[in-house]
């Protein structure tokens, strides 16, 4: 997600987590976000 503003990345991760909490957490860890 290079070049995408962090705010948008975080919102997308929220959507991932709603659909599948484990997937959302995995994406967050992969992108090194807290």
C-alpha atoms as a PDB file:
ATOM      1  CA  UNK A   1       0.000   0.000   0.000  1.00  0.00           C
ATOM      2  CA  UNK A   2       2.873   2.283  -0.742  1.00  0.00           C
ATOM      3  CA  UNK A   3       1.826   5.812  -1.584  1.00  0.00           C
ATOM      4  CA  UNK A   4      -1.592   5.466   0.062  1.00  0.00           C
ATOM      5  CA  UNK A   5      -2.225   7.957   2.883  1.00  0.00           C
ATOM      6  CA  UNK A   6      -2.053   6.300   6.315  1.00  0.00           C
ATOM      7  CA  UNK A   7      -5.595   7.425   7.160  1.00  0.00           C
ATOM      8  CA  UNK A   8      -6.957   5.460   4.197  1.00  0.00           C
ATOM      9  CA  UNK A   9      -4.832   2.410   5.031  1.00  0.00           C
ATOM     10  CA  UNK A  10      -6.177   2.402   8.593  1.00  0.00           C
ATOM     11  CA  UNK A  11      -9.776   2.718   7.381  1.00  0.00           C
ATOM     12  CA  UNK A  12      -9.273  -0.184   4.985  1.00  0.00           C
ATOM     13  CA  UNK A  13      -7.820  -2.305   7.774  1.00  0.00           C
ATOM     14  CA  UNK A  14     -10.958  -1.551   9.818  1.00  0.00           C
ATOM     15  CA  UNK A  15     -13.027  -2.978   6.956  1.00  0.00           C
ATOM     16  CA  UNK A  16     -10.786  -6.049   6.776  1.00  0.00           C
ATOM     17  CA  UNK A  17     -11.184  -6.566  10.527  1.00  0.00           C
ATOM     18  CA  UNK A  18     -14.979  -6.327  10.320  1.00  0.00           C
ATOM     19  CA  UNK A  19     -15.057  -9.014   7.647  1.00  0.00           C
ATOM     20  CA  UNK A  20     -12.414 -11.202   9.309  1.00  0.00           C
ATOM     21  CA  UNK A  21     -10.762 -10.063  12.565  1.00  0.00           C
ATOM     22  CA  UNK A  22      -7.757 -12.366  12.150  1.00  0.00           C
ATOM     23  CA  UNK A  23      -7.110 -11.097   8.627  1.00  0.00           C
ATOM     24  CA  UNK A  24      -7.364  -7.466   9.748  1.00  0.00           C
ATOM     25  CA  UNK A  25      -4.880  -8.127  12.548  1.00  0.00           C
ATOM     26  CA  UNK A  26      -2.529  -9.904  10.157  1.00  0.00           C
ATOM     27  CA  UNK A  27      -2.547  -7.012   7.698  1.00  0.00           C
ATOM     28  CA  UNK A  28      -1.922  -4.583  10.548  1.00  0.00           C
ATOM     29  CA  UNK A  29       1.086  -6.619  11.710  1.00  0.00           C
ATOM     30  CA  UNK A  30       2.414  -7.017   8.162  1.00  0.00           C
ATOM     31  CA  UNK A  31       2.303  -3.245   7.685  1.00  0.00           C
ATOM     32  CA  UNK A  32       3.834  -2.714  11.147  1.00  0.00           C
ATOM     33  CA  UNK A  33       0.923  -0.557  12.334  1.00  0.00           C
ATOM     34  CA  UNK A  34      -0.325  -0.353  15.909  1.00  0.00           C
END
